[in-house]
Amino acid sequence: MIRAAVKEDGPRILQLIKDLAEYEKAPLEAKATLQQIEETIFSDKPTAFCHVAEVDGQVIGIAIWFLNYSTWLGKPGMYLEDLYVDPAYRGKGFGMGFLKTLAKICVERGYERFQWWVLDWNEPSIELYKSIGAVAMDEWTVFRLSGDALKKLGA
């Protein structure tokens, strides 16, 4: 079952975020706290949203997303920040279930784009995305400003 997350899912969501960081070979970069998860996903004015996959009452996967905006289309879109399924449950359709659920939200709400990043070495995910008609945006280069560089520029 895939459903919208509730505040009680917070500890498990945080654990799955840490598991994802481990999978992506960046465990030290996952610094989120339970308080931050609660404030950003479960507040009265959330800045991010989460759906979970549940089997026998246990959360086994997460999809965390937020809204972006296309100036060219003049409409919002959805950005999928993280999609992660516990390794014991991979290959059982949960990833596709998340993608379908989020695509349905996009269609129902009039969001014109559904976007995400994937690591170049994650071939199983890349193949899944291609199979549903997703297109790699190879002509774009992602830039990030964070940490000391962000603080210096913002000072």
N, C-alpha and C. Protein backbone atom coordinates (compact mmCIF):
# COMPACT_ATOMS: atom_id res chain seq x y z
N MET A 1 0.84 -1.17 0.00
CA MET A 1 0.00 0.00 0.00
C MET A 1 0.89 1.24 0.00
N ILE A 2 0.54 2.20 -0.82
CA ILE A 2 1.23 3.49 -0.82
C ILE A 2 0.24 4.54 -0.34
N ARG A 3 0.69 5.35 0.62
CA ARG A 3 -0.18 6.36 1.23
C ARG A 3 0.63 7.58 1.60
N ALA A 4 -0.08 8.68 1.88
CA ALA A 4 0.58 9.88 2.38
C ALA A 4 1.13 9.56 3.77
N ALA A 5 2.32 10.05 4.04
CA ALA A 5 2.95 9.82 5.35
C ALA A 5 2.21 10.62 6.43
N VAL A 6 2.28 10.10 7.65
CA VAL A 6 1.75 10.79 8.82
C VAL A 6 2.90 10.99 9.80
N LYS A 7 2.71 11.91 10.74
CA LYS A 7 3.78 12.29 11.66
C LYS A 7 4.38 11.08 12.37
N GLU A 8 3.57 10.09 12.69
CA GLU A 8 4.06 8.89 13.38
C GLU A 8 5.06 8.11 12.54
N ASP A 9 5.08 8.35 11.23
CA ASP A 9 6.05 7.69 10.34
C ASP A 9 7.43 8.34 10.40
N GLY A 10 7.53 9.50 11.06
CA GLY A 10 8.76 10.28 11.06
C GLY A 10 10.03 9.51 11.37
N PRO A 11 10.08 8.74 12.48
CA PRO A 11 11.32 8.01 12.78
C PRO A 11 11.72 7.03 11.67
N ARG A 12 10.74 6.35 11.08
CA ARG A 12 11.06 5.40 10.02
C ARG A 12 11.50 6.13 8.75
N ILE A 13 10.86 7.26 8.45
CA ILE A 13 11.27 8.06 7.30
C ILE A 13 12.73 8.47 7.46
N LEU A 14 13.08 8.95 8.64
CA LEU A 14 14.45 9.36 8.89
C LEU A 14 15.42 8.19 8.71
N GLN A 15 15.06 7.02 9.20
CA GLN A 15 15.93 5.86 9.03
C GLN A 15 16.10 5.50 7.56
N LEU A 16 15.02 5.57 6.79
CA LEU A 16 15.13 5.25 5.37
C LEU A 16 15.95 6.30 4.62
N ILE A 17 15.90 7.55 5.06
CA ILE A 17 16.76 8.58 4.47
C ILE A 17 18.22 8.22 4.72
N LYS A 18 18.52 7.78 5.92
CA LYS A 18 19.90 7.38 6.24
C LYS A 18 20.31 6.14 5.46
N ASP A 19 19.38 5.20 5.28
CA ASP A 19 19.66 4.02 4.48
C ASP A 19 19.95 4.39 3.03
N LEU A 20 19.19 5.35 2.50
CA LEU A 20 19.41 5.83 1.14
C LEU A 20 20.79 6.45 1.01
N ALA A 21 21.18 7.26 1.98
CA ALA A 21 22.51 7.89 1.95
C ALA A 21 23.60 6.83 1.93
N GLU A 22 23.41 5.79 2.70
CA GLU A 22 24.37 4.67 2.71
C GLU A 22 24.42 4.01 1.33
N TYR A 23 23.26 3.76 0.74
CA TYR A 23 23.18 3.15 -0.59
C TYR A 23 23.88 4.01 -1.63
N GLU A 24 23.74 5.34 -1.49
CA GLU A 24 24.34 6.26 -2.44
C GLU A 24 25.80 6.60 -2.11
N LYS A 25 26.35 5.86 -1.15
CA LYS A 25 27.76 5.99 -0.77
C LYS A 25 28.09 7.37 -0.20
N ALA A 26 27.15 7.93 0.55
CA ALA A 26 27.35 9.25 1.16
C ALA A 26 26.71 9.29 2.55
N PRO A 27 27.01 8.32 3.41
CA PRO A 27 26.32 8.26 4.71
C PRO A 27 26.54 9.48 5.60
N LEU A 28 27.67 10.13 5.49
CA LEU A 28 27.95 11.28 6.35
C LEU A 28 27.22 12.54 5.91
N GLU A 29 26.65 12.52 4.72
CA GLU A 29 25.94 13.70 4.22
C GLU A 29 24.50 13.77 4.71
N ALA A 30 23.96 12.68 5.21
CA ALA A 30 22.57 12.67 5.70
C ALA A 30 22.56 13.17 7.14
N LYS A 31 22.28 14.46 7.30
CA LYS A 31 22.34 15.10 8.60
C LYS A 31 20.98 15.50 9.15
N ALA A 32 19.92 15.18 8.43
CA ALA A 32 18.57 15.55 8.86
C ALA A 32 18.26 14.94 10.23
N THR A 33 17.45 15.67 10.99
CA THR A 33 17.01 15.19 12.30
C THR A 33 15.51 14.92 12.25
N LEU A 34 15.02 14.21 13.22
CA LEU A 34 13.59 13.95 13.31
C LEU A 34 12.83 15.28 13.44
N GLN A 35 13.35 16.19 14.22
CA GLN A 35 12.69 17.49 14.37
C GLN A 35 12.58 18.20 13.02
N GLN A 36 13.63 18.16 12.22
CA GLN A 36 13.58 18.80 10.90
C GLN A 36 12.56 18.13 10.00
N ILE A 37 12.50 16.80 10.04
CA ILE A 37 11.52 16.07 9.23
C ILE A 37 10.11 16.50 9.64
N GLU A 38 9.87 16.55 10.94
CA GLU A 38 8.55 16.94 11.44
C GLU A 38 8.21 18.37 11.03
N GLU A 39 9.17 19.29 11.11
CA GLU A 39 8.92 20.69 10.79
C GLU A 39 8.70 20.92 9.29
N THR A 40 9.39 20.18 8.45
CA THR A 40 9.31 20.44 7.01
C THR A 40 8.23 19.62 6.30
N ILE A 41 7.91 18.45 6.82
CA ILE A 41 6.92 17.59 6.16
C ILE A 41 5.57 17.61 6.86
N PHE A 42 5.58 17.71 8.18
CA PHE A 42 4.33 17.55 8.93
C PHE A 42 3.81 18.83 9.60
N SER A 43 4.33 19.99 9.22
CA SER A 43 3.86 21.24 9.81
C SER A 43 2.58 21.70 9.11
N ASP A 44 2.03 22.80 9.58
CA ASP A 44 0.83 23.37 8.96
C ASP A 44 1.11 23.89 7.55
N LYS A 45 2.36 24.29 7.31
CA LYS A 45 2.77 24.78 5.99
C LYS A 45 4.02 24.01 5.56
N PRO A 46 3.83 22.77 5.12
CA PRO A 46 5.00 21.95 4.76
C PRO A 46 5.74 22.50 3.55
N THR A 47 7.04 22.29 3.53
CA THR A 47 7.86 22.64 2.37
C THR A 47 8.21 21.41 1.56
N ALA A 48 7.90 20.24 2.10
CA ALA A 48 8.12 18.98 1.40
C ALA A 48 6.98 18.04 1.79
N PHE A 49 6.82 17.00 0.99
CA PHE A 49 5.74 16.04 1.19
C PHE A 49 6.33 14.64 1.10
N CYS A 50 5.66 13.68 1.72
CA CYS A 50 6.19 12.32 1.72
C CYS A 50 5.05 11.32 1.55
N HIS A 51 5.30 10.35 0.72
CA HIS A 51 4.44 9.17 0.62
C HIS A 51 5.27 7.98 1.08
N VAL A 52 4.61 7.01 1.65
CA VAL A 52 5.30 5.82 2.12
C VAL A 52 4.66 4.58 1.52
N ALA A 53 5.48 3.55 1.37
CA ALA A 53 4.98 2.22 1.01
C ALA A 53 4.95 1.42 2.30
N GLU A 54 3.88 0.70 2.50
CA GLU A 54 3.68 -0.02 3.75
C GLU A 54 3.31 -1.47 3.46
N VAL A 55 3.93 -2.37 4.18
CA VAL A 55 3.63 -3.80 4.09
C VAL A 55 3.41 -4.31 5.51
N ASP A 56 2.26 -4.88 5.75
CA ASP A 56 1.92 -5.43 7.07
C ASP A 56 2.19 -4.44 8.20
N GLY A 57 1.81 -3.17 7.96
CA GLY A 57 1.95 -2.15 8.98
C GLY A 57 3.35 -1.58 9.13
N GLN A 58 4.30 -2.03 8.31
CA GLN A 58 5.68 -1.54 8.38
C GLN A 58 5.99 -0.69 7.16
N VAL A 59 6.53 0.51 7.39
CA VAL A 59 6.95 1.38 6.29
C VAL A 59 8.24 0.81 5.70
N ILE A 60 8.19 0.51 4.39
CA ILE A 60 9.34 -0.12 3.73
C ILE A 60 9.92 0.74 2.60
N GLY A 61 9.31 1.91 2.37
CA GLY A 61 9.81 2.78 1.32
C GLY A 61 9.27 4.19 1.48
N ILE A 62 10.00 5.13 0.87
CA ILE A 62 9.60 6.54 0.93
C ILE A 62 9.75 7.20 -0.43
N ALA A 63 8.91 8.19 -0.66
CA ALA A 63 9.05 9.10 -1.79
C ALA A 63 8.84 10.49 -1.22
N ILE A 64 9.89 11.30 -1.24
CA ILE A 64 9.83 12.65 -0.69
C ILE A 64 9.92 13.63 -1.85
N TRP A 65 8.99 14.57 -1.89
CA TRP A 65 8.89 15.47 -3.03
C TRP A 65 8.48 16.88 -2.59
N PHE A 66 8.66 17.82 -3.51
CA PHE A 66 8.22 19.19 -3.26
C PHE A 66 7.86 19.83 -4.60
N LEU A 67 7.27 21.00 -4.55
CA LEU A 67 6.86 21.69 -5.76
C LEU A 67 8.00 22.53 -6.32
N ASN A 68 8.09 22.56 -7.63
CA ASN A 68 8.96 23.49 -8.32
C ASN A 68 8.07 24.30 -9.27
N TYR A 69 8.66 25.10 -10.13
CA TYR A 69 7.86 25.96 -10.98
C TYR A 69 8.54 26.14 -12.33
N SER A 70 7.75 26.06 -13.38
CA SER A 70 8.26 26.31 -14.72
C SER A 70 7.80 27.69 -15.17
N THR A 71 8.75 28.59 -15.37
CA THR A 71 8.40 29.91 -15.87
C THR A 71 7.91 29.82 -17.31
N TRP A 72 8.43 28.89 -18.07
CA TRP A 72 8.03 28.76 -19.46
C TRP A 72 6.59 28.27 -19.60
N LEU A 73 6.19 27.36 -18.70
CA LEU A 73 4.82 26.85 -18.73
C LEU A 73 3.88 27.67 -17.86
N GLY A 74 4.46 28.42 -16.93
CA GLY A 74 3.63 29.19 -16.01
C GLY A 74 2.84 28.31 -15.06
N LYS A 75 3.41 27.14 -14.74
CA LYS A 75 2.72 26.18 -13.89
C LYS A 75 3.70 25.49 -12.95
N PRO A 76 3.17 25.02 -11.82
CA PRO A 76 4.02 24.24 -10.92
C PRO A 76 4.28 22.85 -11.47
N GLY A 77 5.30 22.24 -10.90
CA GLY A 77 5.62 20.85 -11.20
C GLY A 77 6.06 20.18 -9.92
N MET A 78 6.34 18.92 -10.02
CA MET A 78 6.77 18.14 -8.86
C MET A 78 8.22 17.73 -9.04
N TYR A 79 9.01 17.90 -7.98
CA TYR A 79 10.38 17.42 -7.96
C TYR A 79 10.48 16.31 -6.93
N LEU A 80 10.85 15.14 -7.37
CA LEU A 80 11.02 13.98 -6.50
C LEU A 80 12.44 14.01 -5.94
N GLU A 81 12.56 14.34 -4.67
CA GLU A 81 13.88 14.44 -4.04
C GLU A 81 14.47 13.06 -3.76
N ASP A 82 13.68 12.19 -3.15
CA ASP A 82 14.17 10.86 -2.81
C ASP A 82 13.09 9.82 -3.03
N LEU A 83 13.49 8.71 -3.62
CA LEU A 83 12.65 7.52 -3.71
C LEU A 83 13.53 6.37 -3.26
N TYR A 84 13.10 5.70 -2.21
CA TYR A 84 13.91 4.61 -1.67
C TYR A 84 13.01 3.50 -1.17
N VAL A 85 13.36 2.29 -1.52
CA VAL A 85 12.65 1.09 -1.06
C VAL A 85 13.66 0.18 -0.38
N ASP A 86 13.31 -0.30 0.79
CA ASP A 86 14.16 -1.24 1.52
C ASP A 86 14.58 -2.37 0.57
N PRO A 87 15.87 -2.74 0.58
CA PRO A 87 16.35 -3.77 -0.35
C PRO A 87 15.55 -5.08 -0.31
N ALA A 88 15.01 -5.45 0.82
CA ALA A 88 14.24 -6.70 0.92
C ALA A 88 12.94 -6.65 0.10
N TYR A 89 12.52 -5.45 -0.29
CA TYR A 89 11.25 -5.29 -0.99
C TYR A 89 11.41 -4.78 -2.41
N ARG A 90 12.64 -4.69 -2.89
CA ARG A 90 12.87 -4.22 -4.26
C ARG A 90 12.45 -5.29 -5.25
N GLY A 91 12.09 -4.82 -6.44
CA GLY A 91 11.68 -5.74 -7.49
C GLY A 91 10.25 -6.24 -7.32
N LYS A 92 9.51 -5.65 -6.41
CA LYS A 92 8.13 -6.08 -6.15
C LYS A 92 7.11 -5.03 -6.59
N GLY A 93 7.57 -4.00 -7.29
CA GLY A 93 6.65 -3.00 -7.84
C GLY A 93 6.44 -1.76 -7.00
N PHE A 94 7.14 -1.64 -5.89
CA PHE A 94 6.93 -0.46 -5.04
C PHE A 94 7.46 0.82 -5.70
N GLY A 95 8.61 0.73 -6.35
CA GLY A 95 9.15 1.91 -7.05
C GLY A 95 8.18 2.41 -8.10
N MET A 96 7.67 1.49 -8.90
CA MET A 96 6.69 1.85 -9.92
C MET A 96 5.41 2.38 -9.27
N GLY A 97 5.03 1.78 -8.16
CA GLY A 97 3.85 2.25 -7.44
C GLY A 97 4.00 3.69 -6.98
N PHE A 98 5.17 4.03 -6.47
CA PHE A 98 5.43 5.41 -6.08
C PHE A 98 5.33 6.34 -7.29
N LEU A 99 5.97 5.97 -8.39
CA LEU A 99 5.96 6.82 -9.58
C LEU A 99 4.54 7.03 -10.10
N LYS A 100 3.74 5.98 -10.12
CA LYS A 100 2.35 6.10 -10.57
C LYS A 100 1.54 6.98 -9.63
N THR A 101 1.72 6.81 -8.33
CA THR A 101 0.99 7.61 -7.35
C THR A 101 1.32 9.09 -7.52
N LEU A 102 2.61 9.41 -7.65
CA LEU A 102 3.01 10.80 -7.79
C LEU A 102 2.60 11.37 -9.14
N ALA A 103 2.67 10.57 -10.19
CA ALA A 103 2.21 11.03 -11.51
C ALA A 103 0.72 11.34 -11.47
N LYS A 104 -0.04 10.53 -10.75
CA LYS A 104 -1.48 10.78 -10.62
C LYS A 104 -1.74 12.10 -9.91
N ILE A 105 -0.96 12.38 -8.86
CA ILE A 105 -1.09 13.67 -8.16
C ILE A 105 -0.80 14.81 -9.13
N CYS A 106 0.24 14.67 -9.94
CA CYS A 106 0.58 15.70 -10.92
C CYS A 106 -0.60 15.95 -11.86
N VAL A 107 -1.15 14.89 -12.41
CA VAL A 107 -2.26 15.02 -13.35
C VAL A 107 -3.47 15.66 -12.67
N GLU A 108 -3.83 15.18 -11.49
CA GLU A 108 -5.00 15.70 -10.79
C GLU A 108 -4.86 17.18 -10.43
N ARG A 109 -3.65 17.61 -10.09
CA ARG A 109 -3.44 18.99 -9.64
C ARG A 109 -2.97 19.94 -10.75
N GLY A 110 -2.79 19.42 -11.94
CA GLY A 110 -2.39 20.25 -13.06
C GLY A 110 -0.91 20.60 -13.09
N TYR A 111 -0.08 19.81 -12.40
CA TYR A 111 1.36 20.00 -12.46
C TYR A 111 1.83 19.50 -13.81
N GLU A 112 2.60 20.30 -14.51
CA GLU A 112 2.99 19.96 -15.89
C GLU A 112 4.25 19.13 -16.01
N ARG A 113 5.05 19.10 -14.95
CA ARG A 113 6.31 18.34 -15.01
C ARG A 113 6.51 17.53 -13.74
N PHE A 114 7.16 16.40 -13.91
CA PHE A 114 7.53 15.52 -12.80
C PHE A 114 9.01 15.20 -13.04
N GLN A 115 9.88 15.71 -12.18
CA GLN A 115 11.32 15.62 -12.40
C GLN A 115 12.03 15.01 -11.20
N TRP A 116 13.24 14.47 -11.47
CA TRP A 116 14.10 13.93 -10.42
C TRP A 116 15.50 13.75 -11.00
N TRP A 117 16.45 13.52 -10.12
CA TRP A 117 17.81 13.18 -10.50
C TRP A 117 18.03 11.70 -10.20
N VAL A 118 18.99 11.12 -10.89
CA VAL A 118 19.41 9.75 -10.60
C VAL A 118 20.93 9.69 -10.80
N LEU A 119 21.58 8.97 -9.92
CA LEU A 119 23.03 8.81 -10.05
C LEU A 119 23.36 8.02 -11.32
N ASP A 120 24.42 8.41 -12.00
CA ASP A 120 24.80 7.78 -13.27
C ASP A 120 25.00 6.28 -13.17
N TRP A 121 25.44 5.79 -12.02
CA TRP A 121 25.73 4.37 -11.86
C TRP A 121 24.51 3.53 -11.46
N ASN A 122 23.38 4.17 -11.24
CA ASN A 122 22.19 3.45 -10.78
C ASN A 122 21.39 2.91 -11.98
N GLU A 123 21.98 1.95 -12.66
CA GLU A 123 21.40 1.39 -13.88
C GLU A 123 19.99 0.80 -13.70
N PRO A 124 19.71 0.06 -12.60
CA PRO A 124 18.35 -0.47 -12.47
C PRO A 124 17.29 0.63 -12.47
N SER A 125 17.57 1.72 -11.77
CA SER A 125 16.62 2.83 -11.72
C SER A 125 16.53 3.53 -13.08
N ILE A 126 17.66 3.74 -13.72
CA ILE A 126 17.66 4.39 -15.03
C ILE A 126 16.82 3.60 -16.02
N GLU A 127 16.97 2.29 -16.01
CA GLU A 127 16.18 1.45 -16.92
C GLU A 127 14.69 1.54 -16.61
N LEU A 128 14.34 1.56 -15.34
CA LEU A 128 12.93 1.72 -14.95
C LEU A 128 12.40 3.05 -15.47
N TYR A 129 13.14 4.11 -15.27
CA TYR A 129 12.68 5.44 -15.69
C TYR A 129 12.51 5.51 -17.20
N LYS A 130 13.45 4.94 -17.93
CA LYS A 130 13.33 4.93 -19.39
C LYS A 130 12.11 4.13 -19.84
N SER A 131 11.82 3.05 -19.12
CA SER A 131 10.70 2.19 -19.50
C SER A 131 9.34 2.88 -19.37
N ILE A 132 9.27 3.92 -18.55
CA ILE A 132 7.99 4.63 -18.40
C ILE A 132 7.93 5.90 -19.25
N GLY A 133 8.98 6.14 -20.03
CA GLY A 133 8.99 7.28 -20.93
C GLY A 133 9.69 8.51 -20.38
N ALA A 134 10.35 8.41 -19.24
CA ALA A 134 11.11 9.54 -18.71
C ALA A 134 12.32 9.80 -19.61
N VAL A 135 12.68 11.05 -19.74
CA VAL A 135 13.76 11.45 -20.62
C VAL A 135 14.89 12.06 -19.80
N ALA A 136 16.11 11.58 -20.02
CA ALA A 136 17.28 12.14 -19.36
C ALA A 136 17.54 13.54 -19.91
N MET A 137 17.82 14.46 -19.02
CA MET A 137 18.08 15.85 -19.41
C MET A 137 19.60 16.04 -19.53
N ASP A 138 20.21 15.29 -20.45
CA ASP A 138 21.66 15.24 -20.58
C ASP A 138 22.30 16.58 -20.93
N GLU A 139 21.54 17.48 -21.54
CA GLU A 139 22.14 18.74 -21.95
C GLU A 139 22.23 19.76 -20.81
N TRP A 140 21.73 19.40 -19.63
CA TRP A 140 21.77 20.28 -18.46
C TRP A 140 22.83 19.81 -17.48
N THR A 141 23.50 20.76 -16.85
CA THR A 141 24.47 20.44 -15.81
C THR A 141 23.92 20.97 -14.49
N VAL A 142 23.87 20.12 -13.50
CA VAL A 142 23.36 20.50 -12.19
C VAL A 142 24.45 21.25 -11.42
N PHE A 143 24.10 22.37 -10.83
CA PHE A 143 25.00 23.12 -9.97
C PHE A 143 24.41 23.18 -8.58
N ARG A 144 25.26 23.20 -7.58
CA ARG A 144 24.83 23.30 -6.19
C ARG A 144 25.75 24.26 -5.46
N LEU A 145 25.15 25.12 -4.67
CA LEU A 145 25.89 26.03 -3.80
C LEU A 145 25.44 25.71 -2.38
N SER A 146 26.39 25.33 -1.53
CA SER A 146 26.05 24.97 -0.16
C SER A 146 27.23 25.25 0.76
N GLY A 147 27.02 25.01 2.05
CA GLY A 147 28.09 25.14 3.02
C GLY A 147 28.73 26.52 3.04
N ASP A 148 30.04 26.55 3.16
CA ASP A 148 30.77 27.80 3.27
C ASP A 148 30.60 28.67 2.02
N ALA A 149 30.55 28.06 0.87
CA ALA A 149 30.40 28.85 -0.37
C ALA A 149 29.05 29.59 -0.37
N LEU A 150 27.99 28.93 0.08
CA LEU A 150 26.68 29.57 0.16
C LEU A 150 26.70 30.71 1.19
N LYS A 151 27.31 30.43 2.34
CA LYS A 151 27.38 31.46 3.39
C LYS A 151 28.18 32.67 2.93
N LYS A 152 29.26 32.42 2.21
CA LYS A 152 30.11 33.53 1.73
C LYS A 152 29.33 34.38 0.72
N LEU A 153 28.64 33.74 -0.20
CA LEU A 153 27.89 34.48 -1.20
C LEU A 153 26.72 35.24 -0.58
N GLY A 154 26.10 34.63 0.42
CA GLY A 154 24.95 35.24 1.06
C GLY A 154 25.28 36.27 2.13
N ALA A 155 26.56 36.44 2.42
CA ALA A 155 26.95 37.39 3.48
C ALA A 155 26.93 38.83 2.98
